[in-house]
C-alpha atoms as a PDB file:
ATOM      1  CA  MET A   1      20.007 -16.513  17.554  1.00  0.00           C
ATOM      2  CA  HIS A   2      19.455 -17.987  20.968  1.00  0.00           C
ATOM      3  CA  GLY A   3      15.589 -17.746  20.620  1.00  0.00           C
ATOM      4  CA  VAL A   4      15.665 -19.489  17.182  1.00  0.00           C
ATOM      5  CA  GLN A   5      17.848 -22.360  18.580  1.00  0.00           C
ATOM      6  CA  LYS A   6      15.395 -22.605  21.500  1.00  0.00           C
ATOM      7  CA  THR A   7      12.394 -22.716  19.235  1.00  0.00           C
ATOM      8  CA  ALA A   8      13.828 -25.266  16.961  1.00  0.00           C
ATOM      9  CA  SER A   9      15.004 -27.722  19.718  1.00  0.00           C
ATOM     10  CA  GLY A  10      11.509 -27.359  21.313  1.00  0.00           C
ATOM     11  CA  LEU A  11       9.880 -28.162  18.044  1.00  0.00           C
ATOM     12  CA  PHE A  12      11.998 -31.191  17.177  1.00  0.00           C
ATOM     13  CA  GLY A  13      11.872 -32.312  20.722  1.00  0.00           C
ATOM     14  CA  ALA A  14       8.023 -32.423  20.502  1.00  0.00           C
ATOM     15  CA  PHE A  15       8.280 -34.895  17.698  1.00  0.00           C
ATOM     16  CA  SER A  16      10.342 -37.313  19.848  1.00  0.00           C
ATOM     17  CA  GLN A  17       7.829 -37.420  22.695  1.00  0.00           C
ATOM     18  CA  PRO A  18       5.418 -40.499  22.963  1.00  0.00           C
ATOM     19  CA  ALA A  19       1.864 -39.829  21.798  1.00  0.00           C
ATOM     20  CA  GLY A  20      -0.460 -38.219  24.369  1.00  0.00           C
ATOM     21  CA  LYS A  21       2.549 -36.750  26.423  1.00  0.00           C
ATOM     22  CA  SER A  22       3.605 -33.092  26.037  1.00  0.00           C
ATOM     23  CA  PRO A  23       6.713 -31.665  27.384  1.00  0.00           C
ATOM     24  CA  ALA A  24       6.510 -29.277  30.230  1.00  0.00           C
ATOM     25  CA  PRO A  25       6.953 -25.685  29.093  1.00  0.00           C
ATOM     26  CA  ALA A  26      10.417 -24.251  29.730  1.00  0.00           C
ATOM     27  CA  PRO A  27      10.331 -21.121  31.837  1.00  0.00           C
ATOM     28  CA  SER A  28      10.822 -18.002  29.682  1.00  0.00           C
ATOM     29  CA  VAL A  29      13.107 -15.341  30.969  1.00  0.00           C
ATOM     30  CA  PRO A  30      13.430 -12.426  28.726  1.00  0.00           C
ATOM     31  CA  SER A  31      16.984 -11.081  28.635  1.00  0.00           C
ATOM     32  CA  PRO A  32      17.155  -7.395  29.055  1.00  0.00           C
ATOM     33  CA  GLY A  33      19.930  -6.942  26.292  1.00  0.00           C
ATOM     34  CA  ARG A  34      21.721  -3.672  25.808  1.00  0.00           C
ATOM     35  CA  TRP A  35      18.574  -1.683  25.857  1.00  0.00           C
ATOM     36  CA  GLY A  36      17.148  -3.045  28.990  1.00  0.00           C
ATOM     37  CA  GLY A  37      13.399  -2.516  29.106  1.00  0.00           C
ATOM     38  CA  TRP A  38      13.598   0.436  26.698  1.00  0.00           C
ATOM     39  CA  GLY A  39      13.503  -1.397  23.341  1.00  0.00           C
ATOM     40  CA  GLN A  40       9.689  -1.336  22.860  1.00  0.00           C
ATOM     41  CA  ALA A  41       9.556   2.242  23.995  1.00  0.00           C
ATOM     42  CA  ALA A  42      12.364   3.232  21.334  1.00  0.00           C
ATOM     43  CA  TYR A  43      10.327   1.424  18.667  1.00  0.00           C
ATOM     44  CA  ALA A  44       7.197   3.287  19.654  1.00  0.00           C
ATOM     45  CA  VAL A  45       8.934   6.724  19.686  1.00  0.00           C
ATOM     46  CA  GLY A  46      10.685   5.876  16.398  1.00  0.00           C
ATOM     47  CA  GLY A  47       7.328   4.916  14.764  1.00  0.00           C
ATOM     48  CA  ALA A  48       5.723   8.208  16.027  1.00  0.00           C
ATOM     49  CA  LEU A  49       8.536  10.246  14.663  1.00  0.00           C
ATOM     50  CA  VAL A  50       8.262   8.569  11.231  1.00  0.00           C
ATOM     51  CA  ALA A  51       4.514   9.050  11.217  1.00  0.00           C
ATOM     52  CA  GLY A  52       4.988  12.685  12.132  1.00  0.00           C
ATOM     53  CA  ALA A  53       7.526  13.373   9.495  1.00  0.00           C
ATOM     54  CA  ALA A  54       5.191  11.816   6.817  1.00  0.00           C
ATOM     55  CA  VAL A  55       2.342  13.953   7.952  1.00  0.00           C
ATOM     56  CA  GLY A  56       4.507  17.201   7.972  1.00  0.00           C
ATOM     57  CA  THR A  57       5.841  16.315   4.546  1.00  0.00           C
ATOM     58  CA  ALA A  58       2.241  15.777   3.185  1.00  0.00           C
ATOM     59  CA  TYR A  59       1.125  19.116   4.671  1.00  0.00           C
ATOM     60  CA  TYR A  60       4.232  20.962   3.235  1.00  0.00           C
ATOM     61  CA  HIS A  61       3.430  19.477  -0.163  1.00  0.00           C
ATOM     62  CA  ARG A  62      -0.234  19.941   0.087  1.00  0.00           C
ATOM     63  CA  PRO A  63      -0.594  22.330  -2.948  1.00  0.00           C
ATOM     64  CA  ASN A  64       1.211  19.812  -5.116  1.00  0.00           C
ATOM     65  CA  ILE A  65      -0.976  16.939  -3.816  1.00  0.00           C
ATOM     66  CA  GLU A  66      -4.225  18.965  -4.286  1.00  0.00           C
ATOM     67  CA  SER A  67      -3.225  19.947  -7.917  1.00  0.00           C
ATOM     68  CA  GLY A  68      -2.375  16.318  -8.689  1.00  0.00           C
ATOM     69  CA  TYR A  69      -5.737  15.113  -7.245  1.00  0.00           C
ATOM     70  CA  GLY A  70      -7.559  17.683  -9.345  1.00  0.00           C
ATOM     71  CA  ALA A  71      -5.772  16.554 -12.508  1.00  0.00           C
ATOM     72  CA  LEU A  72      -6.458  12.901 -11.652  1.00  0.00           C
ATOM     73  CA  THR A  73     -10.209  13.724 -11.167  1.00  0.00           C
ATOM     74  CA  GLU A  74     -10.394  15.598 -14.414  1.00  0.00           C
ATOM     75  CA  HIS A  75      -8.656  12.778 -16.345  1.00  0.00           C
ATOM     76  CA  MET A  76     -11.022  10.176 -14.865  1.00  0.00           C
ATOM     77  CA  GLN A  77     -13.927  12.331 -16.002  1.00  0.00           C
ATOM     78  CA  TYR A  78     -12.453  12.452 -19.537  1.00  0.00           C
ATOM     79  CA  VAL A  79     -11.905   8.677 -19.643  1.00  0.00           C
ATOM     80  CA  GLY A  80     -15.395   8.136 -18.457  1.00  0.00           C
ATOM     81  CA  ALA A  81     -16.757  10.409 -21.162  1.00  0.00           C
ATOM     82  CA  LEU A  82     -14.839   8.294 -23.687  1.00  0.00           C
ATOM     83  CA  TRP A  83     -16.544   5.131 -22.566  1.00  0.00           C
ATOM     84  CA  ASN A  84     -19.915   6.546 -23.030  1.00  0.00           C
ATOM     85  CA  ARG A  85     -21.439   4.743 -25.964  1.00  0.00           C
ATOM     86  CA  ASP A  86     -24.006   7.380 -26.924  1.00  0.00           C
ATOM     87  CA  ALA A  87     -21.447  10.148 -26.844  1.00  0.00           C
ATOM     88  CA  LEU A  88     -18.974   8.102 -28.854  1.00  0.00           C
ATOM     89  CA  ALA A  89     -21.572   7.543 -31.567  1.00  0.00           C
ATOM     90  CA  GLU A  90     -22.373  11.284 -31.536  1.00  0.00           C
ATOM     91  CA  ARG A  91     -18.766  12.133 -31.928  1.00  0.00           C
ATOM     92  CA  VAL A  92     -18.401   9.759 -34.924  1.00  0.00           C
ATOM     93  CA  ARG A  93     -21.489  11.047 -36.532  1.00  0.00           C
ATOM     94  CA  ASN A  94     -20.043  14.758 -36.175  1.00  0.00           C
ATOM     95  CA  LEU A  95     -16.760  13.468 -37.812  1.00  0.00           C
ATOM     96  CA  VAL A  96     -18.550  11.810 -40.743  1.00  0.00           C
ATOM     97  CA  GLU A  97     -20.946  14.959 -41.096  1.00  0.00           C
ATOM     98  CA  GLY A  98     -17.883  17.189 -41.186  1.00  0.00           C
ATOM     99  CA  GLU A  99     -16.293  15.353 -44.024  1.00  0.00           C
ATOM    100  CA  THR A 100     -19.431  14.884 -46.081  1.00  0.00           C
ATOM    101  CA  MET A 101     -21.056  18.334 -45.579  1.00  0.00           C
ATOM    102  CA  HIS A 102     -18.139  20.659 -45.010  1.00  0.00           C
ATOM    103  CA  GLY A 103     -15.311  18.936 -46.751  1.00  0.00           C
ATOM    104  CA  ILE A 104     -13.237  18.564 -43.641  1.00  0.00           C
ATOM    105  CA  LEU A 105     -10.707  15.563 -43.952  1.00  0.00           C
ATOM    106  CA  PHE A 106      -8.961  14.030 -41.032  1.00  0.00           C
ATOM    107  CA  ARG A 107      -5.678  12.121 -41.724  1.00  0.00           C
ATOM    108  CA  THR A 108      -3.300  10.297 -39.488  1.00  0.00           C
END
């Protein structure tokens, strides 16, 4: 909260200065707080632990991921075949031929 208050007062103080003059920068002294100098190290270790847990989970579920990727790949090949105009025209021709020549009727 102190940092926000300090930033806001510096920002609004800059508007009250005459043109061409800028205020002298206030000396910045970081307060050690409860963690002292260990705060950044704690964030780094925590991030490493989370990343390690994500990698471990992905490795553990590797068979599920591989089968899902395979199913997705097959589905995309199927959808790609549906958009092929020549193959679509051939399928429609086969349906019409099945009805006219062999008496097969499709109903929905």
